[in-house]
């Protein structure tokens, strides 16, 4: 039988070895401190630490998707909004992410919120709605620059939702309706103008070529005759009755 003392020693040996051997995945790095002094980032793979001397902090290098909670914004043209966003970033230097800032996740979140309020507060509502890609790039550039000392790379920032006040939504709906009516009137006016142009051209052709009237008359008779009507009225050209009218006038 194994004596209790030997069993206790074996237990402590296993405990020490388990604390000395660490396995890091491909997307992980381990920031190692020895007696409080930074040694560096290690991994991935099998890592050996000195028990009771070394301490390791795991850091994930995968892209983190962080939601920025809705922020109360007052735009440059004094419109109150609620805007939220999403930030895509990852750690590129594990040592800086641990040493340079206490909590890089919370720090990035707070920085994203203040930057969102600052940038949108300098923009007008029309710019926010029409030039969202431009504002997204500006947000990404600012946040990436400010988080660079922390070993963080911000790859993208996207404004998710812009919550307009109800009265502003109604005003924009009225404006959109007025714009649609304006475009419809313009299209109708252009159609009337083109039709008048065609009528003018047709009148000029008839004036220069009187025989065109006769051709149009014959075409009209053909169209009327092709229809299945019980009664058909044939118009008489004025040229045919002019001699009779003249004779009656002479009498």
C-alpha atoms as a PDB file:
ATOM      1  CA  UNK A   1       0.000   0.000   0.000  1.00  0.00           C
ATOM      2  CA  UNK A   2       1.075   3.544  -0.697  1.00  0.00           C
ATOM      3  CA  UNK A   3       1.822   5.438   2.460  1.00  0.00           C
ATOM      4  CA  UNK A   4      -0.110   8.639   3.129  1.00  0.00           C
ATOM      5  CA  UNK A   5       3.086  10.681   3.021  1.00  0.00           C
ATOM      6  CA  UNK A   6       4.046   9.372  -0.420  1.00  0.00           C
ATOM      7  CA  UNK A   7       0.517   9.941  -1.651  1.00  0.00           C
ATOM      8  CA  UNK A   8       0.602  13.530  -0.419  1.00  0.00           C
ATOM      9  CA  UNK A   9       3.963  14.162  -2.075  1.00  0.00           C
ATOM     10  CA  UNK A  10       2.723  12.677  -5.336  1.00  0.00           C
ATOM     11  CA  UNK A  11      -0.375  14.857  -5.183  1.00  0.00           C
ATOM     12  CA  UNK A  12       1.653  18.033  -4.755  1.00  0.00           C
ATOM     13  CA  UNK A  13       4.018  17.041  -7.580  1.00  0.00           C
ATOM     14  CA  UNK A  14       1.070  16.582  -9.938  1.00  0.00           C
ATOM     15  CA  UNK A  15      -0.401  19.891  -8.795  1.00  0.00           C
ATOM     16  CA  UNK A  16       2.863  21.738  -9.417  1.00  0.00           C
ATOM     17  CA  UNK A  17       3.341  20.147 -12.840  1.00  0.00           C
ATOM     18  CA  UNK A  18      -0.196  21.046 -13.866  1.00  0.00           C
ATOM     19  CA  UNK A  19       0.442  24.664 -12.911  1.00  0.00           C
ATOM     20  CA  UNK A  20       3.768  24.648 -14.774  1.00  0.00           C
ATOM     21  CA  UNK A  21       2.458  23.256 -18.065  1.00  0.00           C
ATOM     22  CA  UNK A  22       0.024  25.287 -20.151  1.00  0.00           C
ATOM     23  CA  UNK A  23      -1.414  24.648 -23.604  1.00  0.00           C
ATOM     24  CA  UNK A  24      -2.304  27.640 -25.771  1.00  0.00           C
ATOM     25  CA  UNK A  25      -4.523  27.376 -28.823  1.00  0.00           C
ATOM     26  CA  UNK A  26      -3.604  28.820 -32.218  1.00  0.00           C
ATOM     27  CA  UNK A  27      -5.565  32.020 -31.572  1.00  0.00           C
ATOM     28  CA  UNK A  28      -4.227  32.493 -28.024  1.00  0.00           C
ATOM     29  CA  UNK A  29      -1.116  34.065 -26.579  1.00  0.00           C
ATOM     30  CA  UNK A  30       0.139  33.901 -23.022  1.00  0.00           C
ATOM     31  CA  UNK A  31       1.672  37.025 -21.474  1.00  0.00           C
ATOM     32  CA  UNK A  32       4.158  35.733 -18.881  1.00  0.00           C
ATOM     33  CA  UNK A  33       5.263  37.636 -15.778  1.00  0.00           C
ATOM     34  CA  UNK A  34       8.151  36.385 -13.640  1.00  0.00           C
ATOM     35  CA  UNK A  35       8.129  37.759 -10.123  1.00  0.00           C
ATOM     36  CA  UNK A  36       6.035  40.641 -11.451  1.00  0.00           C
ATOM     37  CA  UNK A  37       8.352  41.474 -14.345  1.00  0.00           C
ATOM     38  CA  UNK A  38       7.136  41.112 -17.923  1.00  0.00           C
ATOM     39  CA  UNK A  39       8.888  38.282 -19.746  1.00  0.00           C
ATOM     40  CA  UNK A  40       6.920  38.416 -23.001  1.00  0.00           C
ATOM     41  CA  UNK A  41       4.149  36.760 -24.959  1.00  0.00           C
ATOM     42  CA  UNK A  42       4.383  33.046 -25.667  1.00  0.00           C
ATOM     43  CA  UNK A  43       2.416  30.575 -27.714  1.00  0.00           C
ATOM     44  CA  UNK A  44       0.734  28.878 -29.340  1.00  0.00           C
ATOM     45  CA  UNK A  45       1.425  25.336 -28.209  1.00  0.00           C
ATOM     46  CA  UNK A  46       2.931  23.882 -25.044  1.00  0.00           C
ATOM     47  CA  UNK A  47       4.241  26.432 -22.527  1.00  0.00           C
ATOM     48  CA  UNK A  48       6.364  25.662 -19.461  1.00  0.00           C
ATOM     49  CA  UNK A  49       6.242  27.971 -16.452  1.00  0.00           C
ATOM     50  CA  UNK A  50       8.247  28.043 -13.250  1.00  0.00           C
ATOM     51  CA  UNK A  51       5.807  27.122 -10.493  1.00  0.00           C
ATOM     52  CA  UNK A  52       5.141  29.817  -7.896  1.00  0.00           C
ATOM     53  CA  UNK A  53       7.383  32.196  -9.868  1.00  0.00           C
ATOM     54  CA  UNK A  54       5.752  32.694 -13.254  1.00  0.00           C
ATOM     55  CA  UNK A  55       2.218  33.925 -13.893  1.00  0.00           C
ATOM     56  CA  UNK A  56       0.528  33.800 -17.274  1.00  0.00           C
ATOM     57  CA  UNK A  57      -2.405  35.839 -18.636  1.00  0.00           C
ATOM     58  CA  UNK A  58      -4.264  34.436 -21.633  1.00  0.00           C
ATOM     59  CA  UNK A  59      -5.137  36.812 -24.468  1.00  0.00           C
ATOM     60  CA  UNK A  60      -7.313  35.924 -27.459  1.00  0.00           C
ATOM     61  CA  UNK A  61      -6.225  37.232 -30.869  1.00  0.00           C
ATOM     62  CA  UNK A  62      -9.585  36.621 -32.534  1.00  0.00           C
ATOM     63  CA  UNK A  63     -11.700  39.482 -33.813  1.00  0.00           C
ATOM     64  CA  UNK A  64     -14.051  40.795 -31.144  1.00  0.00           C
ATOM     65  CA  UNK A  65     -17.477  42.138 -32.094  1.00  0.00           C
ATOM     66  CA  UNK A  66     -18.509  44.784 -29.577  1.00  0.00           C
ATOM     67  CA  UNK A  67     -21.919  46.444 -29.493  1.00  0.00           C
ATOM     68  CA  UNK A  68     -21.888  50.116 -28.585  1.00  0.00           C
ATOM     69  CA  UNK A  69     -25.061  50.825 -26.561  1.00  0.00           C
ATOM     70  CA  UNK A  70     -27.455  53.541 -27.817  1.00  0.00           C
ATOM     71  CA  UNK A  71     -26.050  57.019 -27.283  1.00  0.00           C
ATOM     72  CA  UNK A  72     -27.987  60.278 -26.955  1.00  0.00           C
ATOM     73  CA  UNK A  73     -26.717  62.519 -29.744  1.00  0.00           C
ATOM     74  CA  UNK A  74     -27.440  66.155 -30.590  1.00  0.00           C
ATOM     75  CA  UNK A  75     -26.398  66.797 -34.177  1.00  0.00           C
ATOM     76  CA  UNK A  76     -24.885  69.985 -35.525  1.00  0.00           C
ATOM     77  CA  UNK A  77     -28.326  71.156 -36.677  1.00  0.00           C
ATOM     78  CA  UNK A  78     -29.795  70.536 -33.173  1.00  0.00           C
ATOM     79  CA  UNK A  79     -31.648  67.268 -33.805  1.00  0.00           C
ATOM     80  CA  UNK A  80     -31.830  64.820 -30.882  1.00  0.00           C
ATOM     81  CA  UNK A  81     -31.099  61.212 -31.834  1.00  0.00           C
ATOM     82  CA  UNK A  82     -30.349  57.830 -30.333  1.00  0.00           C
ATOM     83  CA  UNK A  83     -27.594  56.033 -32.226  1.00  0.00           C
ATOM     84  CA  UNK A  84     -25.924  52.680 -31.622  1.00  0.00           C
ATOM     85  CA  UNK A  85     -23.025  51.051 -33.418  1.00  0.00           C
ATOM     86  CA  UNK A  86     -20.844  47.960 -33.599  1.00  0.00           C
ATOM     87  CA  UNK A  87     -17.026  47.866 -33.438  1.00  0.00           C
ATOM     88  CA  UNK A  88     -14.816  45.104 -34.879  1.00  0.00           C
ATOM     89  CA  UNK A  89     -11.337  44.894 -33.354  1.00  0.00           C
ATOM     90  CA  UNK A  90      -8.681  42.435 -32.259  1.00  0.00           C
ATOM     91  CA  UNK A  91      -5.525  42.328 -30.185  1.00  0.00           C
ATOM     92  CA  UNK A  92      -2.350  42.422 -32.287  1.00  0.00           C
ATOM     93  CA  UNK A  93       0.155  42.931 -29.443  1.00  0.00           C
ATOM     94  CA  UNK A  94      -0.772  40.895 -26.395  1.00  0.00           C
ATOM     95  CA  UNK A  95       1.856  42.486 -24.141  1.00  0.00           C
ATOM     96  CA  UNK A  96       0.510  46.014 -24.651  1.00  0.00           C
ATOM     97  CA  UNK A  97      -3.093  44.889 -24.223  1.00  0.00           C
ATOM     98  CA  UNK A  98      -2.232  43.621 -20.733  1.00  0.00           C
ATOM     99  CA  UNK A  99       0.416  46.112 -19.599  1.00  0.00           C
ATOM    100  CA  UNK A 100      -0.691  49.438 -21.115  1.00  0.00           C
ATOM    101  CA  UNK A 101      -4.355  49.358 -20.057  1.00  0.00           C
ATOM    102  CA  UNK A 102      -6.144  47.752 -17.129  1.00  0.00           C
ATOM    103  CA  UNK A 103      -9.098  46.325 -19.071  1.00  0.00           C
ATOM    104  CA  UNK A 104      -8.763  46.710 -22.828  1.00  0.00           C
ATOM    105  CA  UNK A 105     -12.307  45.484 -23.501  1.00  0.00           C
ATOM    106  CA  UNK A 106     -13.959  48.037 -21.232  1.00  0.00           C
ATOM    107  CA  UNK A 107     -11.538  50.767 -22.321  1.00  0.00           C
ATOM    108  CA  UNK A 108     -12.321  50.170 -26.001  1.00  0.00           C
ATOM    109  CA  UNK A 109     -16.049  50.210 -25.269  1.00  0.00           C
ATOM    110  CA  UNK A 110     -15.883  53.514 -23.384  1.00  0.00           C
ATOM    111  CA  UNK A 111     -13.684  55.078 -26.044  1.00  0.00           C
ATOM    112  CA  UNK A 112     -16.084  53.970 -28.783  1.00  0.00           C
ATOM    113  CA  UNK A 113     -19.024  55.567 -26.984  1.00  0.00           C
ATOM    114  CA  UNK A 114     -17.328  58.930 -26.482  1.00  0.00           C
ATOM    115  CA  UNK A 115     -16.001  58.969 -30.058  1.00  0.00           C
ATOM    116  CA  UNK A 116     -19.462  58.167 -31.431  1.00  0.00           C
ATOM    117  CA  UNK A 117     -20.999  61.088 -29.534  1.00  0.00           C
ATOM    118  CA  UNK A 118     -18.202  63.445 -30.538  1.00  0.00           C
ATOM    119  CA  UNK A 119     -18.163  62.669 -34.269  1.00  0.00           C
ATOM    120  CA  UNK A 120     -21.936  62.580 -34.736  1.00  0.00           C
ATOM    121  CA  UNK A 121     -22.300  65.766 -32.719  1.00  0.00           C
ATOM    122  CA  UNK A 122     -20.255  67.532 -35.401  1.00  0.00           C
ATOM    123  CA  UNK A 123     -22.393  66.162 -38.254  1.00  0.00           C
ATOM    124  CA  UNK A 124     -25.750  67.263 -39.589  1.00  0.00           C
ATOM    125  CA  UNK A 125     -28.713  64.925 -39.827  1.00  0.00           C
ATOM    126  CA  UNK A 126     -28.623  64.832 -43.637  1.00  0.00           C
ATOM    127  CA  UNK A 127     -24.945  63.841 -43.558  1.00  0.00           C
ATOM    128  CA  UNK A 128     -25.650  61.097 -41.027  1.00  0.00           C
ATOM    129  CA  UNK A 129     -28.396  59.618 -43.197  1.00  0.00           C
ATOM    130  CA  UNK A 130     -26.788  60.096 -46.623  1.00  0.00           C
ATOM    131  CA  UNK A 131     -23.058  59.718 -45.889  1.00  0.00           C
ATOM    132  CA  UNK A 132     -23.022  56.919 -43.333  1.00  0.00           C
ATOM    133  CA  UNK A 133     -20.076  55.131 -44.974  1.00  0.00           C
ATOM    134  CA  UNK A 134     -17.974  58.269 -44.696  1.00  0.00           C
ATOM    135  CA  UNK A 135     -18.827  58.656 -41.000  1.00  0.00           C
ATOM    136  CA  UNK A 136     -18.074  54.961 -40.388  1.00  0.00           C
ATOM    137  CA  UNK A 137     -14.602  55.393 -41.881  1.00  0.00           C
ATOM    138  CA  UNK A 138     -13.975  58.473 -39.749  1.00  0.00           C
ATOM    139  CA  UNK A 139     -15.035  56.629 -36.587  1.00  0.00           C
ATOM    140  CA  UNK A 140     -12.801  53.667 -37.457  1.00  0.00           C
ATOM    141  CA  UNK A 141      -9.821  55.924 -38.083  1.00  0.00           C
ATOM    142  CA  UNK A 142     -10.184  57.806 -34.793  1.00  0.00           C
ATOM    143  CA  UNK A 143     -10.795  54.759 -32.582  1.00  0.00           C
ATOM    144  CA  UNK A 144      -8.009  52.787 -34.266  1.00  0.00           C
ATOM    145  CA  UNK A 145      -5.547  55.633 -33.710  1.00  0.00           C
ATOM    146  CA  UNK A 146      -6.441  55.978 -30.032  1.00  0.00           C
ATOM    147  CA  UNK A 147      -6.316  52.239 -29.283  1.00  0.00           C
ATOM    148  CA  UNK A 148      -3.035  51.643 -31.104  1.00  0.00           C
ATOM    149  CA  UNK A 149      -0.944  52.206 -27.915  1.00  0.00           C
ATOM    150  CA  UNK A 150      -2.923  49.365 -26.334  1.00  0.00           C
ATOM    151  CA  UNK A 151      -1.907  46.907 -29.047  1.00  0.00           C
ATOM    152  CA  UNK A 152      -5.399  46.866 -30.567  1.00  0.00           C
ATOM    153  CA  UNK A 153      -6.350  47.083 -34.246  1.00  0.00           C
ATOM    154  CA  UNK A 154      -9.846  48.377 -35.064  1.00  0.00           C
ATOM    155  CA  UNK A 155     -10.807  46.978 -38.462  1.00  0.00           C
ATOM    156  CA  UNK A 156     -14.316  48.359 -38.860  1.00  0.00           C
ATOM    157  CA  UNK A 157     -16.991  50.508 -37.225  1.00  0.00           C
ATOM    158  CA  UNK A 158     -20.614  50.418 -38.374  1.00  0.00           C
ATOM    159  CA  UNK A 159     -23.520  52.605 -37.286  1.00  0.00           C
ATOM    160  CA  UNK A 160     -26.363  50.140 -36.759  1.00  0.00           C
ATOM    161  CA  UNK A 161     -29.483  52.172 -36.085  1.00  0.00           C
ATOM    162  CA  UNK A 162     -30.486  55.840 -35.992  1.00  0.00           C
ATOM    163  CA  UNK A 163     -33.589  56.434 -33.885  1.00  0.00           C
ATOM    164  CA  UNK A 164     -35.312  59.651 -34.977  1.00  0.00           C
ATOM    165  CA  UNK A 165     -37.904  61.498 -32.860  1.00  0.00           C
ATOM    166  CA  UNK A 166     -41.527  60.857 -33.980  1.00  0.00           C
ATOM    167  CA  UNK A 167     -42.047  64.447 -35.124  1.00  0.00           C
ATOM    168  CA  UNK A 168     -38.884  64.255 -37.233  1.00  0.00           C
ATOM    169  CA  UNK A 169     -40.075  61.002 -38.818  1.00  0.00           C
ATOM    170  CA  UNK A 170     -43.388  62.637 -39.759  1.00  0.00           C
ATOM    171  CA  UNK A 171     -41.595  65.676 -41.200  1.00  0.00           C
ATOM    172  CA  UNK A 172     -39.310  63.471 -43.285  1.00  0.00           C
ATOM    173  CA  UNK A 173     -42.312  61.476 -44.532  1.00  0.00           C
ATOM    174  CA  UNK A 174     -44.019  64.698 -45.639  1.00  0.00           C
ATOM    175  CA  UNK A 175     -40.829  65.841 -47.332  1.00  0.00           C
ATOM    176  CA  UNK A 176     -40.487  62.528 -49.178  1.00  0.00           C
ATOM    177  CA  UNK A 177     -44.132  62.730 -50.318  1.00  0.00           C
ATOM    178  CA  UNK A 178     -43.628  66.288 -51.560  1.00  0.00           C
ATOM    179  CA  UNK A 179     -40.515  65.196 -53.439  1.00  0.00           C
ATOM    180  CA  UNK A 180     -42.426  62.362 -55.133  1.00  0.00           C
ATOM    181  CA  UNK A 181     -45.208  64.766 -56.160  1.00  0.00           C
ATOM    182  CA  UNK A 182     -42.654  67.222 -57.532  1.00  0.00           C
ATOM    183  CA  UNK A 183     -41.023  64.527 -59.653  1.00  0.00           C
ATOM    184  CA  UNK A 184     -44.422  63.347 -60.927  1.00  0.00           C
ATOM    185  CA  UNK A 185     -45.340  66.887 -61.980  1.00  0.00           C
ATOM    186  CA  UNK A 186     -42.011  67.313 -63.746  1.00  0.00           C
ATOM    187  CA  UNK A 187     -42.481  64.045 -65.639  1.00  0.00           C
ATOM    188  CA  UNK A 188     -46.058  65.034 -66.580  1.00  0.00           C
ATOM    189  CA  UNK A 189     -44.914  68.479 -67.765  1.00  0.00           C
ATOM    190  CA  UNK A 190     -42.135  66.944 -69.835  1.00  0.00           C
ATOM    191  CA  UNK A 191     -44.662  64.582 -71.425  1.00  0.00           C
ATOM    192  CA  UNK A 192     -47.006  67.473 -72.281  1.00  0.00           C
ATOM    193  CA  UNK A 193     -44.113  69.412 -73.767  1.00  0.00           C
ATOM    194  CA  UNK A 194     -43.030  66.490 -75.924  1.00  0.00           C
ATOM    195  CA  UNK A 195     -46.624  65.946 -77.090  1.00  0.00           C
ATOM    196  CA  UNK A 196     -46.976  69.612 -78.062  1.00  0.00           C
ATOM    197  CA  UNK A 197     -43.696  69.383 -79.953  1.00  0.00           C
ATOM    198  CA  UNK A 198     -45.004  66.383 -81.892  1.00  0.00           C
ATOM    199  CA  UNK A 199     -48.266  68.202 -82.692  1.00  0.00           C
ATOM    200  CA  UNK A 200     -46.334  71.217 -83.879  1.00  0.00           C
ATOM    201  CA  UNK A 201     -44.178  69.057 -86.136  1.00  0.00           C
ATOM    202  CA  UNK A 202     -47.280  67.309 -87.493  1.00  0.00           C
ATOM    203  CA  UNK A 203     -48.943  70.657 -88.242  1.00  0.00           C
ATOM    204  CA  UNK A 204     -45.869  71.836 -90.118  1.00  0.00           C
ATOM    205  CA  UNK A 205     -45.818  68.643 -92.193  1.00  0.00           C
ATOM    206  CA  UNK A 206     -49.533  68.970 -93.052  1.00  0.00           C
ATOM    207  CA  UNK A 207     -49.047  72.607 -93.990  1.00  0.00           C
ATOM    208  CA  UNK A 208     -46.213  71.739 -96.356  1.00  0.00           C
ATOM    209  CA  UNK A 209     -47.925  68.604 -97.743  1.00  0.00           C
ATOM    210  CA  UNK A 210     -51.744  68.991 -98.032  1.00  0.00           C
ATOM    211  CA  UNK A 211     -52.061  65.466 -99.391  1.00  0.00           C
ATOM    212  CA  UNK A 212     -51.193  64.246 -95.884  1.00  0.00           C
ATOM    213  CA  UNK A 213     -54.678  65.349 -94.773  1.00  0.00           C
ATOM    214  CA  UNK A 214     -56.281  63.091 -97.348  1.00  0.00           C
ATOM    215  CA  UNK A 215     -54.093  60.175 -96.289  1.00  0.00           C
ATOM    216  CA  UNK A 216     -55.070  60.692 -92.673  1.00  0.00           C
ATOM    217  CA  UNK A 217     -58.732  60.879 -93.692  1.00  0.00           C
ATOM    218  CA  UNK A 218     -58.503  57.560 -95.527  1.00  0.00           C
ATOM    219  CA  UNK A 219     -56.701  55.965 -92.575  1.00  0.00           C
ATOM    220  CA  UNK A 220     -59.460  57.119 -90.223  1.00  0.00           C
ATOM    221  CA  UNK A 221     -62.148  55.652 -92.504  1.00  0.00           C
ATOM    222  CA  UNK A 222     -60.278  52.345 -92.560  1.00  0.00           C
ATOM    223  CA  UNK A 223     -60.067  52.250 -88.769  1.00  0.00           C
ATOM    224  CA  UNK A 224     -63.767  53.069 -88.363  1.00  0.00           C
ATOM    225  CA  UNK A 225     -64.779  50.414 -90.892  1.00  0.00           C
ATOM    226  CA  UNK A 226     -62.723  47.742 -89.130  1.00  0.00           C
ATOM    227  CA  UNK A 227     -64.708  48.182 -85.907  1.00  0.00           C
ATOM    228  CA  UNK A 228     -67.893  46.130 -85.433  1.00  0.00           C
ATOM    229  CA  UNK A 229     -70.404  48.945 -85.046  1.00  0.00           C
ATOM    230  CA  UNK A 230     -74.067  48.871 -86.016  1.00  0.00           C
ATOM    231  CA  UNK A 231     -73.901  52.468 -87.183  1.00  0.00           C
ATOM    232  CA  UNK A 232     -71.039  54.063 -89.073  1.00  0.00           C
ATOM    233  CA  UNK A 233     -70.790  57.771 -89.799  1.00  0.00           C
ATOM    234  CA  UNK A 234     -68.617  58.811 -92.745  1.00  0.00           C
ATOM    235  CA  UNK A 235     -67.345  62.364 -92.481  1.00  0.00           C
ATOM    236  CA  UNK A 236     -67.403  64.349 -95.747  1.00  0.00           C
ATOM    237  CA  UNK A 237     -64.300  66.380 -96.491  1.00  0.00           C
ATOM    238  CA  UNK A 238     -64.973  70.103 -96.759  1.00  0.00           C
ATOM    239  CA  UNK A 239     -63.332  70.159-100.199  1.00  0.00           C
ATOM    240  CA  UNK A 240     -66.206  68.109-101.651  1.00  0.00           C
ATOM    241  CA  UNK A 241     -68.944  70.555-100.658  1.00  0.00           C
ATOM    242  CA  UNK A 242     -67.066  73.769-101.351  1.00  0.00           C
ATOM    243  CA  UNK A 243     -68.417  74.013-104.967  1.00  0.00           C
ATOM    244  CA  UNK A 244     -72.017  73.708-103.747  1.00  0.00           C
ATOM    245  CA  UNK A 245     -71.495  76.304-101.057  1.00  0.00           C
ATOM    246  CA  UNK A 246     -69.938  78.665-103.586  1.00  0.00           C
ATOM    247  CA  UNK A 247     -72.824  78.158-106.055  1.00  0.00           C
ATOM    248  CA  UNK A 248     -75.381  78.870-103.355  1.00  0.00           C
ATOM    249  CA  UNK A 249     -73.528  81.994-102.355  1.00  0.00           C
ATOM    250  CA  UNK A 250     -73.471  83.265-105.962  1.00  0.00           C
ATOM    251  CA  UNK A 251     -77.233  82.863-106.195  1.00  0.00           C
END
